[in-house]
């Protein structure tokens, strides 16, 4: 048991290190999110990872990114996930969004609120874990992870991901601010060129 715990701790620390490095080195938000989902899936044995972002027009959460380990059985579940959208408080991602706190379900097949239950059963998906991505104390996205094993809540991992959600949120906030600044600078340069021509 001690050896297993030490191994899990080592995997978590390594994953955390790689994610922090990805946040420091990634040029775009999409690049960083892709790397983070891959690390969570590959290093910490989650078969499916997804990022949900809030659409400003519909005010719903839409799946914007998915990563999965090679598994033909998971394809139907991933397709359904990619096409889904949730309101505040609706489904697993909507619940994490409204609570602004991670949610762990050891077996989605026993959970009546889980809207993708049939596809999950066909894909042999059991455990679901979601955590919010926050910027300025506001939920701007949700990361969702799935395992084909039944896994009991891991409090150390939950705390790690809760902190990680804030780090990712700060990165996203910074990148959006940089993009906005570039747009303003570009507009100023273009207006100066127009003035010179005039």
C-alpha atoms as a PDB file:
ATOM      1  CA  UNK A   1       0.000   0.000   0.000  1.00  0.00           C
ATOM      2  CA  UNK A   2       2.834   2.422   0.892  1.00  0.00           C
ATOM      3  CA  UNK A   3       4.624   1.622  -2.386  1.00  0.00           C
ATOM      4  CA  UNK A   4       1.406   2.292  -4.359  1.00  0.00           C
ATOM      5  CA  UNK A   5       0.876   5.615  -2.537  1.00  0.00           C
ATOM      6  CA  UNK A   6       4.497   6.641  -3.155  1.00  0.00           C
ATOM      7  CA  UNK A   7       4.130   5.761  -6.852  1.00  0.00           C
ATOM      8  CA  UNK A   8       0.885   7.783  -7.109  1.00  0.00           C
ATOM      9  CA  UNK A   9       2.529  10.728  -5.335  1.00  0.00           C
ATOM     10  CA  UNK A  10       5.474  10.582  -7.756  1.00  0.00           C
ATOM     11  CA  UNK A  11       3.120  10.482 -10.758  1.00  0.00           C
ATOM     12  CA  UNK A  12       1.121  13.444  -9.439  1.00  0.00           C
ATOM     13  CA  UNK A  13       4.247  15.522  -8.751  1.00  0.00           C
ATOM     14  CA  UNK A  14       5.635  14.723 -12.195  1.00  0.00           C
ATOM     15  CA  UNK A  15       2.321  15.628 -13.866  1.00  0.00           C
ATOM     16  CA  UNK A  16       2.140  18.894 -11.904  1.00  0.00           C
ATOM     17  CA  UNK A  17       5.699  19.775 -12.980  1.00  0.00           C
ATOM     18  CA  UNK A  18       4.954  19.046 -16.672  1.00  0.00           C
ATOM     19  CA  UNK A  19       1.725  21.096 -16.535  1.00  0.00           C
ATOM     20  CA  UNK A  20       3.442  24.113 -14.940  1.00  0.00           C
ATOM     21  CA  UNK A  21       6.138  23.843 -17.662  1.00  0.00           C
ATOM     22  CA  UNK A  22       3.413  23.670 -20.373  1.00  0.00           C
ATOM     23  CA  UNK A  23       1.804  26.836 -18.974  1.00  0.00           C
ATOM     24  CA  UNK A  24       5.163  28.619 -18.991  1.00  0.00           C
ATOM     25  CA  UNK A  25       6.120  27.540 -22.530  1.00  0.00           C
ATOM     26  CA  UNK A  26       2.836  27.445 -24.484  1.00  0.00           C
ATOM     27  CA  UNK A  27       2.265  30.258 -26.949  1.00  0.00           C
ATOM     28  CA  UNK A  28      -1.509  29.808 -27.289  1.00  0.00           C
ATOM     29  CA  UNK A  29      -4.365  28.779 -24.983  1.00  0.00           C
ATOM     30  CA  UNK A  30      -5.292  25.817 -27.226  1.00  0.00           C
ATOM     31  CA  UNK A  31      -1.700  24.526 -27.197  1.00  0.00           C
ATOM     32  CA  UNK A  32      -1.543  24.683 -23.381  1.00  0.00           C
ATOM     33  CA  UNK A  33      -4.945  22.987 -22.893  1.00  0.00           C
ATOM     34  CA  UNK A  34      -4.045  20.168 -25.298  1.00  0.00           C
ATOM     35  CA  UNK A  35      -0.786  19.511 -23.393  1.00  0.00           C
ATOM     36  CA  UNK A  36      -2.530  19.643 -19.987  1.00  0.00           C
ATOM     37  CA  UNK A  37      -5.260  17.181 -21.010  1.00  0.00           C
ATOM     38  CA  UNK A  38      -2.632  14.840 -22.477  1.00  0.00           C
ATOM     39  CA  UNK A  39      -0.560  14.926 -19.282  1.00  0.00           C
ATOM     40  CA  UNK A  40      -3.599  14.249 -17.076  1.00  0.00           C
ATOM     41  CA  UNK A  41      -4.668  11.324 -19.264  1.00  0.00           C
ATOM     42  CA  UNK A  42      -1.293   9.755 -20.046  1.00  0.00           C
ATOM     43  CA  UNK A  43       0.536  10.345 -16.750  1.00  0.00           C
ATOM     44  CA  UNK A  44      -2.370   9.805 -14.353  1.00  0.00           C
ATOM     45  CA  UNK A  45      -4.317   7.038 -16.127  1.00  0.00           C
ATOM     46  CA  UNK A  46      -7.502   8.803 -17.222  1.00  0.00           C
ATOM     47  CA  UNK A  47      -8.777   7.477 -20.557  1.00  0.00           C
ATOM     48  CA  UNK A  48     -10.699  10.602 -21.627  1.00  0.00           C
ATOM     49  CA  UNK A  49     -10.126  14.297 -20.936  1.00  0.00           C
ATOM     50  CA  UNK A  50     -12.231  17.263 -22.066  1.00  0.00           C
ATOM     51  CA  UNK A  51     -12.298  21.028 -21.685  1.00  0.00           C
ATOM     52  CA  UNK A  52     -15.611  22.871 -21.530  1.00  0.00           C
ATOM     53  CA  UNK A  53     -15.786  26.605 -22.222  1.00  0.00           C
ATOM     54  CA  UNK A  54     -18.599  29.060 -21.592  1.00  0.00           C
ATOM     55  CA  UNK A  55     -20.159  30.500 -24.726  1.00  0.00           C
ATOM     56  CA  UNK A  56     -20.824  34.218 -24.140  1.00  0.00           C
ATOM     57  CA  UNK A  57     -23.822  34.234 -26.496  1.00  0.00           C
ATOM     58  CA  UNK A  58     -25.675  31.088 -25.370  1.00  0.00           C
ATOM     59  CA  UNK A  59     -24.358  31.182 -21.755  1.00  0.00           C
ATOM     60  CA  UNK A  60     -23.895  27.407 -22.027  1.00  0.00           C
ATOM     61  CA  UNK A  61     -20.818  25.254 -21.548  1.00  0.00           C
ATOM     62  CA  UNK A  62     -19.624  23.676 -24.803  1.00  0.00           C
ATOM     63  CA  UNK A  63     -16.915  21.040 -25.212  1.00  0.00           C
ATOM     64  CA  UNK A  64     -14.013  22.733 -27.012  1.00  0.00           C
ATOM     65  CA  UNK A  65     -11.228  20.167 -26.650  1.00  0.00           C
ATOM     66  CA  UNK A  66     -10.943  16.420 -26.082  1.00  0.00           C
ATOM     67  CA  UNK A  67      -8.050  14.022 -25.573  1.00  0.00           C
ATOM     68  CA  UNK A  68      -8.340  10.268 -25.218  1.00  0.00           C
ATOM     69  CA  UNK A  69      -6.130   7.226 -25.024  1.00  0.00           C
ATOM     70  CA  UNK A  70      -6.533   4.868 -28.023  1.00  0.00           C
ATOM     71  CA  UNK A  71      -9.794   2.986 -27.452  1.00  0.00           C
ATOM     72  CA  UNK A  72     -12.395   2.118 -30.128  1.00  0.00           C
ATOM     73  CA  UNK A  73     -14.961   1.597 -27.342  1.00  0.00           C
ATOM     74  CA  UNK A  74     -14.665   5.245 -26.264  1.00  0.00           C
ATOM     75  CA  UNK A  75     -15.481   6.728 -29.690  1.00  0.00           C
ATOM     76  CA  UNK A  76     -19.275   6.976 -29.228  1.00  0.00           C
ATOM     77  CA  UNK A  77     -18.855   8.558 -25.790  1.00  0.00           C
ATOM     78  CA  UNK A  78     -16.328  11.094 -27.145  1.00  0.00           C
ATOM     79  CA  UNK A  79     -18.610  12.027 -30.091  1.00  0.00           C
ATOM     80  CA  UNK A  80     -21.508  12.598 -27.692  1.00  0.00           C
ATOM     81  CA  UNK A  81     -19.271  14.673 -25.387  1.00  0.00           C
ATOM     82  CA  UNK A  82     -18.037  16.840 -28.287  1.00  0.00           C
ATOM     83  CA  UNK A  83     -21.598  17.620 -29.347  1.00  0.00           C
ATOM     84  CA  UNK A  84     -23.028  18.310 -25.884  1.00  0.00           C
ATOM     85  CA  UNK A  85     -23.831  21.636 -24.179  1.00  0.00           C
ATOM     86  CA  UNK A  86     -24.866  22.307 -20.581  1.00  0.00           C
ATOM     87  CA  UNK A  87     -26.561  25.105 -18.665  1.00  0.00           C
ATOM     88  CA  UNK A  88     -25.494  26.261 -15.214  1.00  0.00           C
ATOM     89  CA  UNK A  89     -26.280  23.433 -12.749  1.00  0.00           C
ATOM     90  CA  UNK A  90     -27.144  20.955 -15.537  1.00  0.00           C
ATOM     91  CA  UNK A  91     -25.311  17.623 -15.737  1.00  0.00           C
ATOM     92  CA  UNK A  92     -21.914  16.950 -14.213  1.00  0.00           C
ATOM     93  CA  UNK A  93     -20.083  19.914 -15.794  1.00  0.00           C
ATOM     94  CA  UNK A  94     -22.963  22.291 -15.008  1.00  0.00           C
ATOM     95  CA  UNK A  95     -22.879  21.167 -11.380  1.00  0.00           C
ATOM     96  CA  UNK A  96     -19.129  21.849 -11.047  1.00  0.00           C
ATOM     97  CA  UNK A  97     -19.730  25.230 -12.721  1.00  0.00           C
ATOM     98  CA  UNK A  98     -22.528  26.256 -10.331  1.00  0.00           C
ATOM     99  CA  UNK A  99     -20.703  24.969  -7.226  1.00  0.00           C
ATOM    100  CA  UNK A 100     -17.315  26.321  -8.336  1.00  0.00           C
ATOM    101  CA  UNK A 101     -15.825  23.165  -6.834  1.00  0.00           C
ATOM    102  CA  UNK A 102     -14.548  19.774  -8.101  1.00  0.00           C
ATOM    103  CA  UNK A 103     -17.039  16.891  -8.412  1.00  0.00           C
ATOM    104  CA  UNK A 104     -16.042  13.202  -8.299  1.00  0.00           C
ATOM    105  CA  UNK A 105     -18.383  10.327  -9.229  1.00  0.00           C
ATOM    106  CA  UNK A 106     -16.903   6.839  -8.655  1.00  0.00           C
ATOM    107  CA  UNK A 107     -19.389   5.163 -11.031  1.00  0.00           C
ATOM    108  CA  UNK A 108     -21.504   7.184 -13.485  1.00  0.00           C
ATOM    109  CA  UNK A 109     -23.641   4.102 -14.251  1.00  0.00           C
ATOM    110  CA  UNK A 110     -25.191   4.509 -10.771  1.00  0.00           C
ATOM    111  CA  UNK A 111     -25.682   8.249 -11.126  1.00  0.00           C
ATOM    112  CA  UNK A 112     -29.134   9.322 -12.367  1.00  0.00           C
ATOM    113  CA  UNK A 113     -27.987  12.908 -13.144  1.00  0.00           C
ATOM    114  CA  UNK A 114     -25.317  11.820 -15.622  1.00  0.00           C
ATOM    115  CA  UNK A 115     -26.844  12.586 -19.043  1.00  0.00           C
ATOM    116  CA  UNK A 116     -24.307  10.572 -21.088  1.00  0.00           C
ATOM    117  CA  UNK A 117     -24.819   7.399 -19.042  1.00  0.00           C
ATOM    118  CA  UNK A 118     -25.822   5.067 -21.936  1.00  0.00           C
ATOM    119  CA  UNK A 119     -22.811   6.042 -24.057  1.00  0.00           C
ATOM    120  CA  UNK A 120     -20.571   5.756 -20.981  1.00  0.00           C
ATOM    121  CA  UNK A 121     -21.796   2.206 -20.320  1.00  0.00           C
ATOM    122  CA  UNK A 122     -21.160   1.190 -23.935  1.00  0.00           C
ATOM    123  CA  UNK A 123     -17.680   2.709 -23.704  1.00  0.00           C
ATOM    124  CA  UNK A 124     -16.985   1.045 -20.319  1.00  0.00           C
ATOM    125  CA  UNK A 125     -16.529   4.466 -18.700  1.00  0.00           C
ATOM    126  CA  UNK A 126     -17.096   4.478 -14.930  1.00  0.00           C
ATOM    127  CA  UNK A 127     -15.366   7.175 -12.881  1.00  0.00           C
ATOM    128  CA  UNK A 128     -15.866  10.846 -13.705  1.00  0.00           C
ATOM    129  CA  UNK A 129     -13.987  13.779 -12.197  1.00  0.00           C
ATOM    130  CA  UNK A 130     -14.514  17.440 -13.087  1.00  0.00           C
ATOM    131  CA  UNK A 131     -12.900  20.603 -11.767  1.00  0.00           C
ATOM    132  CA  UNK A 132     -13.411  24.302 -12.533  1.00  0.00           C
ATOM    133  CA  UNK A 133     -10.918  26.546 -14.314  1.00  0.00           C
ATOM    134  CA  UNK A 134     -11.065  29.930 -12.578  1.00  0.00           C
ATOM    135  CA  UNK A 135      -9.916  33.446 -13.415  1.00  0.00           C
ATOM    136  CA  UNK A 136     -10.554  36.321 -10.990  1.00  0.00           C
ATOM    137  CA  UNK A 137     -12.742  34.027  -8.825  1.00  0.00           C
ATOM    138  CA  UNK A 138     -15.016  33.337 -11.803  1.00  0.00           C
ATOM    139  CA  UNK A 139     -15.444  29.949 -13.505  1.00  0.00           C
ATOM    140  CA  UNK A 140     -14.323  30.309 -17.135  1.00  0.00           C
ATOM    141  CA  UNK A 141     -14.215  26.610 -17.978  1.00  0.00           C
ATOM    142  CA  UNK A 142     -14.424  23.044 -16.718  1.00  0.00           C
ATOM    143  CA  UNK A 143     -11.954  20.173 -17.148  1.00  0.00           C
ATOM    144  CA  UNK A 144     -13.510  16.720 -17.190  1.00  0.00           C
ATOM    145  CA  UNK A 145     -11.699  13.380 -16.792  1.00  0.00           C
ATOM    146  CA  UNK A 146     -12.996   9.820 -17.183  1.00  0.00           C
ATOM    147  CA  UNK A 147     -11.652   6.399 -16.243  1.00  0.00           C
ATOM    148  CA  UNK A 148     -12.771   2.909 -17.245  1.00  0.00           C
ATOM    149  CA  UNK A 149     -11.933   1.810 -13.682  1.00  0.00           C
ATOM    150  CA  UNK A 150     -14.134   2.490 -10.657  1.00  0.00           C
ATOM    151  CA  UNK A 151     -11.983   4.879  -8.631  1.00  0.00           C
ATOM    152  CA  UNK A 152     -12.805   6.206  -5.188  1.00  0.00           C
ATOM    153  CA  UNK A 153     -12.260   9.948  -4.544  1.00  0.00           C
ATOM    154  CA  UNK A 154      -8.569  10.825  -4.175  1.00  0.00           C
ATOM    155  CA  UNK A 155      -8.497  13.912  -1.929  1.00  0.00           C
ATOM    156  CA  UNK A 156      -4.839  14.742  -2.661  1.00  0.00           C
ATOM    157  CA  UNK A 157      -5.509  14.650  -6.415  1.00  0.00           C
ATOM    158  CA  UNK A 158      -8.718  16.679  -5.989  1.00  0.00           C
ATOM    159  CA  UNK A 159      -6.834  19.413  -4.079  1.00  0.00           C
ATOM    160  CA  UNK A 160      -4.043  19.389  -6.685  1.00  0.00           C
ATOM    161  CA  UNK A 161      -6.540  19.844  -9.557  1.00  0.00           C
ATOM    162  CA  UNK A 162      -8.469  22.519  -7.680  1.00  0.00           C
ATOM    163  CA  UNK A 163      -5.245  24.560  -7.394  1.00  0.00           C
ATOM    164  CA  UNK A 164      -4.373  23.699 -10.987  1.00  0.00           C
ATOM    165  CA  UNK A 165      -7.711  25.111 -12.149  1.00  0.00           C
ATOM    166  CA  UNK A 166      -6.703  28.517 -10.773  1.00  0.00           C
ATOM    167  CA  UNK A 167      -3.250  28.338 -12.424  1.00  0.00           C
ATOM    168  CA  UNK A 168      -4.781  27.466 -15.808  1.00  0.00           C
ATOM    169  CA  UNK A 169      -7.343  30.259 -15.356  1.00  0.00           C
ATOM    170  CA  UNK A 170      -4.598  32.820 -14.680  1.00  0.00           C
ATOM    171  CA  UNK A 171      -2.756  31.647 -17.809  1.00  0.00           C
ATOM    172  CA  UNK A 172      -5.929  31.929 -19.943  1.00  0.00           C
ATOM    173  CA  UNK A 173      -6.703  35.382 -18.487  1.00  0.00           C
ATOM    174  CA  UNK A 174      -3.145  36.571 -19.241  1.00  0.00           C
ATOM    175  CA  UNK A 175      -3.237  35.243 -22.819  1.00  0.00           C
ATOM    176  CA  UNK A 176      -6.616  36.861 -23.506  1.00  0.00           C
ATOM    177  CA  UNK A 177      -5.289  40.176 -22.163  1.00  0.00           C
ATOM    178  CA  UNK A 178      -2.207  39.853 -24.436  1.00  0.00           C
ATOM    179  CA  UNK A 179      -4.456  39.166 -27.459  1.00  0.00           C
ATOM    180  CA  UNK A 180      -6.618  42.180 -26.615  1.00  0.00           C
ATOM    181  CA  UNK A 181      -3.520  44.391 -26.312  1.00  0.00           C
ATOM    182  CA  UNK A 182      -2.255  43.187 -29.718  1.00  0.00           C
ATOM    183  CA  UNK A 183      -5.628  44.074 -31.289  1.00  0.00           C
ATOM    184  CA  UNK A 184      -5.518  47.575 -29.759  1.00  0.00           C
ATOM    185  CA  UNK A 185      -1.895  48.103 -30.898  1.00  0.00           C
ATOM    186  CA  UNK A 186      -2.744  46.843 -34.399  1.00  0.00           C
ATOM    187  CA  UNK A 187      -5.751  49.193 -34.590  1.00  0.00           C
ATOM    188  CA  UNK A 188      -3.568  52.132 -33.512  1.00  0.00           C
ATOM    189  CA  UNK A 189      -0.907  51.318 -36.120  1.00  0.00           C
ATOM    190  CA  UNK A 190      -3.574  51.025 -38.858  1.00  0.00           C
ATOM    191  CA  UNK A 191      -5.206  54.323 -37.837  1.00  0.00           C
ATOM    192  CA  UNK A 192      -1.776  56.033 -37.946  1.00  0.00           C
ATOM    193  CA  UNK A 193      -1.180  54.643 -41.463  1.00  0.00           C
ATOM    194  CA  UNK A 194      -4.569  55.989 -42.595  1.00  0.00           C
ATOM    195  CA  UNK A 195      -3.713  59.398 -41.090  1.00  0.00           C
ATOM    196  CA  UNK A 196      -0.355  59.473 -42.943  1.00  0.00           C
ATOM    197  CA  UNK A 197      -2.027  58.586 -46.257  1.00  0.00           C
ATOM    198  CA  UNK A 198      -4.651  61.298 -45.690  1.00  0.00           C
END
